Amino acid sequence: MKKVITIMLVMLLNSSLFGQISAGDNANVEPRWVIDTPTAGLLKRGSFGMDIDMFQQGGLMIALSAGALDRLNFGISYGGTGIIGSDQVNWQRLPGVMIKFRLFDETVAMPAIALGFDSQGKESYIDSTNRFTIKSRGIYAVASKNYSLFGNLSLHGGVNLSMERDDGNKNPDVFVGAEKSFGSDISFLCEYDFGFNDTGARAVGKGKGYLNAGIRWSWGNGFTLGFDLKNLAKNQDIVTIGNRTLKVEYVRTL
């Protein structure tokens, strides 16, 4: 453990390792998500990414993604609850799959626009209604635009149609998000999922939508650490202040 901590400190203090970063003014890796909602960002061709989400009930989800072509990313993910701690492990039924294709690159006047499919939901899986606590995006379209405003400001918005419909709600959904850099390697994030597909007698949501906020810190060599407060609007009965989650992102170009 001491050796691991020493290596991490050396990486943090060694500025020569600050090559690939995805947060802050010096970011050179496009963000692919705000927090739970997608962006039009992609991994570069020949790049791969690993994302680790740690959430309540000892939950852990790992996703692997790759930049297959200049405009095409694909990935696979898997996770469950009870992985961290002493509770019984409850794995999700099937791995999640993701594919994203960017139709248009960003220009001065127009945002980047991407189409995608993502079957990986967030947090625990609910067997009785065959859905995740936060439904997967399913089929989606998203637009992203970047601005220079005391650093970097990026705005995102899109629509999606989840395939998780056994709770009786088949409505499409709408989401928006923003990222603002503060300094060379820190960004603050905020997103709102309107939750139109998560209302009704068998749904988890209470009609308030999902408001999430977070921070990302790029600390070099392709690593980014994140801390999120999710469901600040208390759209679920189980929430007090908010779901506190951690995220680790690693991106590398071959």
C-alpha atoms as a PDB file:
ATOM      1  CA  MET A   1       0.000   0.000   0.000  1.00  0.00           C
ATOM      2  CA  LYS A   2       2.854   2.416   0.820  1.00  0.00           C
ATOM      3  CA  LYS A   3       4.407   1.741  -2.593  1.00  0.00           C
ATOM      4  CA  VAL A   4       1.082   2.476  -4.335  1.00  0.00           C
ATOM      5  CA  ILE A   5       0.665   5.770  -2.449  1.00  0.00           C
ATOM      6  CA  THR A   6       4.267   6.748  -3.271  1.00  0.00           C
ATOM      7  CA  ILE A   7       3.758   6.067  -6.980  1.00  0.00           C
ATOM      8  CA  MET A   8       0.538   8.118  -7.003  1.00  0.00           C
ATOM      9  CA  LEU A   9       2.269  11.070  -5.307  1.00  0.00           C
ATOM     10  CA  VAL A  10       5.155  10.949  -7.788  1.00  0.00           C
ATOM     11  CA  MET A  11       2.672  10.995 -10.676  1.00  0.00           C
ATOM     12  CA  LEU A  12       0.848  13.947  -9.171  1.00  0.00           C
ATOM     13  CA  LEU A  13       4.024  15.977  -8.670  1.00  0.00           C
ATOM     14  CA  ASN A  14       5.685  15.097 -11.959  1.00  0.00           C
ATOM     15  CA  SER A  15       4.417  17.644 -14.498  1.00  0.00           C
ATOM     16  CA  SER A  16       5.998  15.698 -17.365  1.00  0.00           C
ATOM     17  CA  LEU A  17       3.221  13.154 -17.010  1.00  0.00           C
ATOM     18  CA  PHE A  18       0.515  15.695 -17.804  1.00  0.00           C
ATOM     19  CA  GLY A  19      -0.006  14.540 -21.386  1.00  0.00           C
ATOM     20  CA  GLN A  20      -3.593  13.430 -21.848  1.00  0.00           C
ATOM     21  CA  ILE A  21      -6.183  15.150 -19.681  1.00  0.00           C
ATOM     22  CA  SER A  22      -9.954  15.526 -19.997  1.00  0.00           C
ATOM     23  CA  ALA A  23     -10.685  18.354 -17.530  1.00  0.00           C
ATOM     24  CA  GLY A  24      -9.552  21.952 -17.155  1.00  0.00           C
ATOM     25  CA  ASP A  25      -8.264  24.574 -19.574  1.00  0.00           C
ATOM     26  CA  ASN A  26      -5.535  22.265 -20.876  1.00  0.00           C
ATOM     27  CA  ALA A  27      -7.863  19.359 -21.679  1.00  0.00           C
ATOM     28  CA  ASN A  28      -7.002  17.564 -24.901  1.00  0.00           C
ATOM     29  CA  VAL A  29      -9.383  14.617 -24.502  1.00  0.00           C
ATOM     30  CA  GLU A  30     -13.012  15.226 -25.418  1.00  0.00           C
ATOM     31  CA  PRO A  31     -15.475  14.494 -22.570  1.00  0.00           C
ATOM     32  CA  ARG A  32     -17.779  11.646 -23.590  1.00  0.00           C
ATOM     33  CA  TRP A  33     -20.215  12.181 -20.728  1.00  0.00           C
ATOM     34  CA  VAL A  34     -21.169  15.056 -18.491  1.00  0.00           C
ATOM     35  CA  ILE A  35     -22.028  12.864 -15.489  1.00  0.00           C
ATOM     36  CA  ASP A  36     -24.692  10.342 -16.545  1.00  0.00           C
ATOM     37  CA  THR A  37     -25.684  12.036 -19.809  1.00  0.00           C
ATOM     38  CA  PRO A  38     -23.692  11.666 -23.038  1.00  0.00           C
ATOM     39  CA  THR A  39     -21.968  14.375 -25.059  1.00  0.00           C
ATOM     40  CA  ALA A  40     -20.987  14.457 -28.732  1.00  0.00           C
ATOM     41  CA  GLY A  41     -17.367  13.918 -27.660  1.00  0.00           C
ATOM     42  CA  LEU A  42     -15.364  10.950 -28.926  1.00  0.00           C
ATOM     43  CA  LEU A  43     -12.145   9.164 -28.238  1.00  0.00           C
ATOM     44  CA  LYS A  44      -9.595   9.772 -30.975  1.00  0.00           C
ATOM     45  CA  ARG A  45      -8.919   7.014 -33.456  1.00  0.00           C
ATOM     46  CA  GLY A  46      -6.489   4.550 -31.887  1.00  0.00           C
ATOM     47  CA  SER A  47      -7.393   5.581 -28.334  1.00  0.00           C
ATOM     48  CA  PHE A  48      -9.015   3.520 -25.620  1.00  0.00           C
ATOM     49  CA  GLY A  49     -10.652   4.482 -22.358  1.00  0.00           C
ATOM     50  CA  MET A  50     -11.488   2.769 -19.083  1.00  0.00           C
ATOM     51  CA  ASP A  51     -14.098   4.273 -16.759  1.00  0.00           C
ATOM     52  CA  ILE A  52     -14.735   3.043 -13.225  1.00  0.00           C
ATOM     53  CA  ASP A  53     -17.855   4.231 -11.374  1.00  0.00           C
ATOM     54  CA  MET A  54     -18.212   3.611  -7.633  1.00  0.00           C
ATOM     55  CA  PHE A  55     -21.662   4.189  -6.171  1.00  0.00           C
ATOM     56  CA  GLN A  56     -23.967   3.350  -3.251  1.00  0.00           C
ATOM     57  CA  GLN A  57     -24.598  -0.184  -1.939  1.00  0.00           C
ATOM     58  CA  GLY A  58     -21.001  -1.134  -2.656  1.00  0.00           C
ATOM     59  CA  GLY A  59     -21.612  -0.659  -6.361  1.00  0.00           C
ATOM     60  CA  LEU A  60     -18.947  -0.796  -9.035  1.00  0.00           C
ATOM     61  CA  MET A  61     -19.228  -0.470 -12.823  1.00  0.00           C
ATOM     62  CA  ILE A  62     -16.350  -0.755 -15.298  1.00  0.00           C
ATOM     63  CA  ALA A  63     -16.607   0.383 -18.922  1.00  0.00           C
ATOM     64  CA  LEU A  64     -14.070  -0.106 -21.714  1.00  0.00           C
ATOM     65  CA  SER A  65     -14.272   2.066 -24.843  1.00  0.00           C
ATOM     66  CA  ALA A  66     -12.258   2.393 -28.034  1.00  0.00           C
ATOM     67  CA  GLY A  67     -11.909   4.873 -30.873  1.00  0.00           C
ATOM     68  CA  ALA A  68     -12.347   2.579 -33.865  1.00  0.00           C
ATOM     69  CA  LEU A  69     -12.575   5.301 -36.522  1.00  0.00           C
ATOM     70  CA  ASP A  70     -12.342   9.091 -36.570  1.00  0.00           C
ATOM     71  CA  ARG A  71     -16.113   9.376 -36.063  1.00  0.00           C
ATOM     72  CA  LEU A  72     -16.936   6.039 -34.392  1.00  0.00           C
ATOM     73  CA  ASN A  73     -16.562   4.789 -30.801  1.00  0.00           C
ATOM     74  CA  PHE A  74     -17.764   1.551 -29.293  1.00  0.00           C
ATOM     75  CA  GLY A  75     -17.567  -0.005 -25.849  1.00  0.00           C
ATOM     76  CA  ILE A  76     -18.722  -2.585 -23.340  1.00  0.00           C
ATOM     77  CA  SER A  77     -19.471  -2.312 -19.612  1.00  0.00           C
ATOM     78  CA  TYR A  78     -20.455  -4.445 -16.643  1.00  0.00           C
ATOM     79  CA  GLY A  79     -21.058  -4.006 -12.934  1.00  0.00           C
ATOM     80  CA  GLY A  80     -23.185  -4.675  -9.907  1.00  0.00           C
ATOM     81  CA  THR A  81     -23.822  -3.870  -6.258  1.00  0.00           C
ATOM     82  CA  GLY A  82     -22.297  -5.398  -3.122  1.00  0.00           C
ATOM     83  CA  ILE A  83     -18.926  -5.684  -4.862  1.00  0.00           C
ATOM     84  CA  ILE A  84     -17.315  -3.389  -2.285  1.00  0.00           C
ATOM     85  CA  GLY A  85     -18.116  -4.426   1.279  1.00  0.00           C
ATOM     86  CA  SER A  86     -19.522  -7.575   2.860  1.00  0.00           C
ATOM     87  CA  ASP A  87     -22.990  -7.748   1.262  1.00  0.00           C
ATOM     88  CA  GLN A  88     -23.954 -10.356  -1.321  1.00  0.00           C
ATOM     89  CA  VAL A  89     -22.880  -9.402  -4.823  1.00  0.00           C
ATOM     90  CA  ASN A  90     -25.743  -8.657  -7.221  1.00  0.00           C
ATOM     91  CA  TRP A  91     -24.490  -8.482 -10.804  1.00  0.00           C
ATOM     92  CA  GLN A  92     -26.439  -6.837 -13.604  1.00  0.00           C
ATOM     93  CA  ARG A  93     -28.053  -9.362 -15.942  1.00  0.00           C
ATOM     94  CA  LEU A  94     -26.151  -8.589 -19.136  1.00  0.00           C
ATOM     95  CA  PRO A  95     -23.127  -6.474 -20.084  1.00  0.00           C
ATOM     96  CA  GLY A  96     -23.914  -3.027 -21.417  1.00  0.00           C
ATOM     97  CA  VAL A  97     -22.948  -2.123 -24.973  1.00  0.00           C
ATOM     98  CA  MET A  98     -22.275   1.323 -26.401  1.00  0.00           C
ATOM     99  CA  ILE A  99     -21.782   2.749 -29.876  1.00  0.00           C
ATOM    100  CA  LYS A 100     -21.536   6.416 -30.872  1.00  0.00           C
ATOM    101  CA  PHE A 101     -21.196   7.974 -34.317  1.00  0.00           C
ATOM    102  CA  ARG A 102     -20.569  11.680 -34.845  1.00  0.00           C
ATOM    103  CA  LEU A 103     -22.552  13.035 -37.769  1.00  0.00           C
ATOM    104  CA  PHE A 104     -21.117  16.560 -37.761  1.00  0.00           C
ATOM    105  CA  ASP A 105     -18.027  18.091 -36.219  1.00  0.00           C
ATOM    106  CA  GLU A 106     -18.295  21.368 -34.349  1.00  0.00           C
ATOM    107  CA  THR A 107     -17.838  24.609 -36.294  1.00  0.00           C
ATOM    108  CA  VAL A 108     -17.876  28.256 -35.240  1.00  0.00           C
ATOM    109  CA  ALA A 109     -21.609  28.462 -35.946  1.00  0.00           C
ATOM    110  CA  MET A 110     -22.798  24.877 -35.348  1.00  0.00           C
ATOM    111  CA  PRO A 111     -22.451  22.341 -32.526  1.00  0.00           C
ATOM    112  CA  ALA A 112     -21.086  18.849 -32.934  1.00  0.00           C
ATOM    113  CA  ILE A 113     -23.902  16.317 -33.350  1.00  0.00           C
ATOM    114  CA  ALA A 114     -23.713  12.609 -32.565  1.00  0.00           C
ATOM    115  CA  LEU A 115     -26.045   9.615 -32.618  1.00  0.00           C
ATOM    116  CA  GLY A 116     -25.590   6.664 -30.316  1.00  0.00           C
ATOM    117  CA  PHE A 117     -26.890   3.660 -28.462  1.00  0.00           C
ATOM    118  CA  ASP A 118     -26.065   2.806 -24.844  1.00  0.00           C
ATOM    119  CA  SER A 119     -27.679  -0.073 -22.937  1.00  0.00           C
ATOM    120  CA  GLN A 120     -25.738   0.557 -19.709  1.00  0.00           C
ATOM    121  CA  GLY A 121     -27.870   2.120 -16.991  1.00  0.00           C
ATOM    122  CA  LYS A 122     -26.553   3.591 -13.758  1.00  0.00           C
ATOM    123  CA  GLU A 123     -26.520   2.348 -10.176  1.00  0.00           C
ATOM    124  CA  SER A 124     -28.333  -0.817  -9.022  1.00  0.00           C
ATOM    125  CA  TYR A 125     -30.400  -3.097 -11.259  1.00  0.00           C
ATOM    126  CA  ILE A 126     -34.092  -3.600 -10.334  1.00  0.00           C
ATOM    127  CA  ASP A 127     -35.118  -7.156 -11.244  1.00  0.00           C
ATOM    128  CA  SER A 128     -38.868  -6.623 -10.752  1.00  0.00           C
ATOM    129  CA  THR A 129     -39.064  -4.073 -13.585  1.00  0.00           C
ATOM    130  CA  ASN A 130     -35.989  -5.106 -15.603  1.00  0.00           C
ATOM    131  CA  ARG A 131     -34.374  -1.684 -15.383  1.00  0.00           C
ATOM    132  CA  PHE A 132     -31.541   0.200 -13.732  1.00  0.00           C
ATOM    133  CA  THR A 133     -32.207   2.754 -11.007  1.00  0.00           C
ATOM    134  CA  ILE A 134     -31.168   5.341 -13.608  1.00  0.00           C
ATOM    135  CA  LYS A 135     -32.372   4.021 -16.954  1.00  0.00           C
ATOM    136  CA  SER A 136     -29.920   3.469 -19.776  1.00  0.00           C
ATOM    137  CA  ARG A 137     -30.003   6.040 -22.575  1.00  0.00           C
ATOM    138  CA  GLY A 138     -30.920   3.557 -25.273  1.00  0.00           C
ATOM    139  CA  ILE A 139     -31.044   5.353 -28.620  1.00  0.00           C
ATOM    140  CA  TYR A 140     -29.996   8.991 -28.368  1.00  0.00           C
ATOM    141  CA  ALA A 141     -29.020  12.129 -30.282  1.00  0.00           C
ATOM    142  CA  VAL A 142     -26.855  14.788 -28.654  1.00  0.00           C
ATOM    143  CA  ALA A 143     -25.349  18.157 -29.592  1.00  0.00           C
ATOM    144  CA  SER A 144     -22.290  19.786 -27.964  1.00  0.00           C
ATOM    145  CA  LYS A 145     -20.834  23.295 -28.316  1.00  0.00           C
ATOM    146  CA  ASN A 146     -17.697  24.774 -26.772  1.00  0.00           C
ATOM    147  CA  TYR A 147     -17.064  28.408 -25.887  1.00  0.00           C
ATOM    148  CA  SER A 148     -14.139  30.437 -24.574  1.00  0.00           C
ATOM    149  CA  LEU A 149     -15.366  32.176 -21.407  1.00  0.00           C
ATOM    150  CA  PHE A 150     -12.709  32.732 -18.733  1.00  0.00           C
ATOM    151  CA  GLY A 151     -11.439  29.298 -19.717  1.00  0.00           C
ATOM    152  CA  ASN A 152     -13.537  26.630 -21.393  1.00  0.00           C
ATOM    153  CA  LEU A 153     -17.321  26.328 -21.275  1.00  0.00           C
ATOM    154  CA  SER A 154     -19.118  23.467 -22.997  1.00  0.00           C
ATOM    155  CA  LEU A 155     -22.886  23.048 -23.333  1.00  0.00           C
ATOM    156  CA  HIS A 156     -24.667  19.804 -24.198  1.00  0.00           C
ATOM    157  CA  GLY A 157     -28.230  18.734 -24.875  1.00  0.00           C
ATOM    158  CA  GLY A 158     -30.061  15.789 -26.360  1.00  0.00           C
ATOM    159  CA  VAL A 159     -32.987  13.400 -26.518  1.00  0.00           C
ATOM    160  CA  ASN A 160     -33.105   9.652 -25.931  1.00  0.00           C
ATOM    161  CA  LEU A 161     -35.411   6.649 -25.989  1.00  0.00           C
ATOM    162  CA  SER A 162     -34.539   3.980 -23.417  1.00  0.00           C
ATOM    163  CA  MET A 163     -35.189   0.293 -24.076  1.00  0.00           C
ATOM    164  CA  GLU A 164     -36.066  -0.254 -20.394  1.00  0.00           C
ATOM    165  CA  ARG A 165     -39.858  -0.075 -20.521  1.00  0.00           C
ATOM    166  CA  ASP A 166     -41.177  -2.840 -18.264  1.00  0.00           C
ATOM    167  CA  ASP A 167     -42.143  -0.226 -15.662  1.00  0.00           C
ATOM    168  CA  GLY A 168     -44.871   0.912 -18.070  1.00  0.00           C
ATOM    169  CA  ASN A 169     -43.246   4.168 -19.196  1.00  0.00           C
ATOM    170  CA  LYS A 170     -42.220   4.259 -22.866  1.00  0.00           C
ATOM    171  CA  ASN A 171     -41.769   8.033 -23.203  1.00  0.00           C
ATOM    172  CA  PRO A 172     -38.671   9.630 -24.750  1.00  0.00           C
ATOM    173  CA  ASP A 173     -36.503  11.731 -22.463  1.00  0.00           C
ATOM    174  CA  VAL A 174     -34.597  15.046 -22.693  1.00  0.00           C
ATOM    175  CA  PHE A 175     -31.312  16.016 -21.038  1.00  0.00           C
ATOM    176  CA  VAL A 176     -29.006  19.053 -20.825  1.00  0.00           C
ATOM    177  CA  GLY A 177     -25.591  19.593 -19.283  1.00  0.00           C
ATOM    178  CA  ALA A 178     -22.647  21.952 -18.930  1.00  0.00           C
ATOM    179  CA  GLU A 179     -18.958  21.813 -18.055  1.00  0.00           C
ATOM    180  CA  LYS A 180     -16.868  24.822 -16.923  1.00  0.00           C
ATOM    181  CA  SER A 181     -13.113  24.701 -16.486  1.00  0.00           C
ATOM    182  CA  PHE A 182     -11.386  26.324 -13.499  1.00  0.00           C
ATOM    183  CA  GLY A 183      -7.651  26.436 -13.967  1.00  0.00           C
ATOM    184  CA  SER A 184      -5.515  24.086 -16.014  1.00  0.00           C
ATOM    185  CA  ASP A 185      -6.831  20.741 -14.793  1.00  0.00           C
ATOM    186  CA  ILE A 186     -10.154  21.139 -12.921  1.00  0.00           C
ATOM    187  CA  SER A 187     -13.709  21.292 -14.272  1.00  0.00           C
ATOM    188  CA  PHE A 188     -17.125  21.628 -12.647  1.00  0.00           C
ATOM    189  CA  LEU A 189     -20.081  19.793 -14.159  1.00  0.00           C
ATOM    190  CA  CYS A 190     -23.839  20.103 -13.956  1.00  0.00           C
ATOM    191  CA  GLU A 191     -26.618  18.245 -15.775  1.00  0.00           C
ATOM    192  CA  TYR A 192     -30.371  17.869 -15.670  1.00  0.00           C
ATOM    193  CA  ASP A 193     -32.281  14.851 -16.941  1.00  0.00           C
ATOM    194  CA  PHE A 194     -35.965  15.748 -17.229  1.00  0.00           C
ATOM    195  CA  GLY A 195     -36.966  12.156 -16.367  1.00  0.00           C
ATOM    196  CA  PHE A 196     -39.972  12.022 -18.692  1.00  0.00           C
ATOM    197  CA  ASN A 197     -39.389   8.248 -18.983  1.00  0.00           C
ATOM    198  CA  ASP A 198     -39.281   7.697 -15.205  1.00  0.00           C
ATOM    199  CA  THR A 199     -42.759   8.548 -13.899  1.00  0.00           C
ATOM    200  CA  GLY A 200     -45.756   6.373 -13.139  1.00  0.00           C
ATOM    201  CA  ALA A 201     -46.972   3.800 -10.627  1.00  0.00           C
ATOM    202  CA  ARG A 202     -44.062   1.370 -11.191  1.00  0.00           C
ATOM    203  CA  ALA A 203     -41.370   3.971 -11.818  1.00  0.00           C
ATOM    204  CA  VAL A 204     -38.538   4.956  -9.484  1.00  0.00           C
ATOM    205  CA  GLY A 205     -38.751   8.690 -10.162  1.00  0.00           C
ATOM    206  CA  LYS A 206     -41.285  11.094  -8.669  1.00  0.00           C
ATOM    207  CA  GLY A 207     -41.553  13.497 -11.601  1.00  0.00           C
ATOM    208  CA  LYS A 208     -38.850  15.976 -10.502  1.00  0.00           C
ATOM    209  CA  GLY A 209     -36.145  14.894 -12.928  1.00  0.00           C
ATOM    210  CA  TYR A 210     -32.522  14.211 -12.057  1.00  0.00           C
ATOM    211  CA  LEU A 211     -30.209  17.102 -11.164  1.00  0.00           C
ATOM    212  CA  ASN A 212     -26.541  16.129 -10.832  1.00  0.00           C
ATOM    213  CA  ALA A 213     -23.362  18.097 -10.133  1.00  0.00           C
ATOM    214  CA  GLY A 214     -19.727  17.084 -10.002  1.00  0.00           C
ATOM    215  CA  ILE A 215     -16.050  17.951 -10.215  1.00  0.00           C
ATOM    216  CA  ARG A 216     -13.300  16.477 -12.405  1.00  0.00           C
ATOM    217  CA  TRP A 217      -9.583  16.717 -11.692  1.00  0.00           C
ATOM    218  CA  SER A 218      -7.074  15.651 -14.335  1.00  0.00           C
ATOM    219  CA  TRP A 219      -3.925  14.551 -12.548  1.00  0.00           C
ATOM    220  CA  GLY A 220      -1.846  13.389 -15.479  1.00  0.00           C
ATOM    221  CA  ASN A 221      -0.816  10.398 -17.544  1.00  0.00           C
ATOM    222  CA  GLY A 222      -4.364   9.954 -18.820  1.00  0.00           C
ATOM    223  CA  PHE A 223      -6.055   9.762 -15.414  1.00  0.00           C
ATOM    224  CA  THR A 224      -9.007  11.887 -14.301  1.00  0.00           C
ATOM    225  CA  LEU A 225     -10.678  11.644 -10.886  1.00  0.00           C
ATOM    226  CA  GLY A 226     -14.268  12.669 -10.286  1.00  0.00           C
ATOM    227  CA  PHE A 227     -16.688  13.212  -7.414  1.00  0.00           C
ATOM    228  CA  ASP A 228     -20.427  13.615  -8.047  1.00  0.00           C
ATOM    229  CA  LEU A 229     -23.536  14.553  -6.099  1.00  0.00           C
ATOM    230  CA  LYS A 230     -26.433  12.972  -7.957  1.00  0.00           C
ATOM    231  CA  ASN A 231     -30.198  13.329  -7.687  1.00  0.00           C
ATOM    232  CA  LEU A 232     -30.057  16.676  -5.895  1.00  0.00           C
ATOM    233  CA  ALA A 233     -33.736  17.262  -6.734  1.00  0.00           C
ATOM    234  CA  LYS A 234     -34.576  14.168  -4.623  1.00  0.00           C
ATOM    235  CA  ASN A 235     -36.427  12.417  -7.409  1.00  0.00           C
ATOM    236  CA  GLN A 236     -36.288   9.176  -5.420  1.00  0.00           C
ATOM    237  CA  ASP A 237     -37.441   8.324  -1.896  1.00  0.00           C
ATOM    238  CA  ILE A 238     -34.060   6.899  -0.878  1.00  0.00           C
ATOM    239  CA  VAL A 239     -32.121  10.164  -1.286  1.00  0.00           C
ATOM    240  CA  THR A 240     -31.043  12.483   1.563  1.00  0.00           C
ATOM    241  CA  ILE A 241     -28.524  15.091   0.357  1.00  0.00           C
ATOM    242  CA  GLY A 242     -27.661  13.294  -2.853  1.00  0.00           C
ATOM    243  CA  ASN A 243     -26.068  10.103  -4.087  1.00  0.00           C
ATOM    244  CA  ARG A 244     -22.336  10.549  -3.557  1.00  0.00           C
ATOM    245  CA  THR A 245     -20.338   8.718  -6.207  1.00  0.00           C
ATOM    246  CA  LEU A 246     -16.719   8.491  -7.331  1.00  0.00           C
ATOM    247  CA  LYS A 247     -15.349   8.100 -10.843  1.00  0.00           C
ATOM    248  CA  VAL A 248     -11.959   7.218 -12.303  1.00  0.00           C
ATOM    249  CA  GLU A 249     -11.245   7.729 -16.002  1.00  0.00           C
ATOM    250  CA  TYR A 250      -8.172   6.526 -17.865  1.00  0.00           C
ATOM    251  CA  VAL A 251      -7.533   7.403 -21.514  1.00  0.00           C
ATOM    252  CA  ARG A 252      -4.565   6.315 -23.594  1.00  0.00           C
ATOM    253  CA  THR A 253      -3.632   6.604 -27.262  1.00  0.00           C
ATOM    254  CA  LEU A 254      -1.779   3.649 -28.747  1.00  0.00           C
END
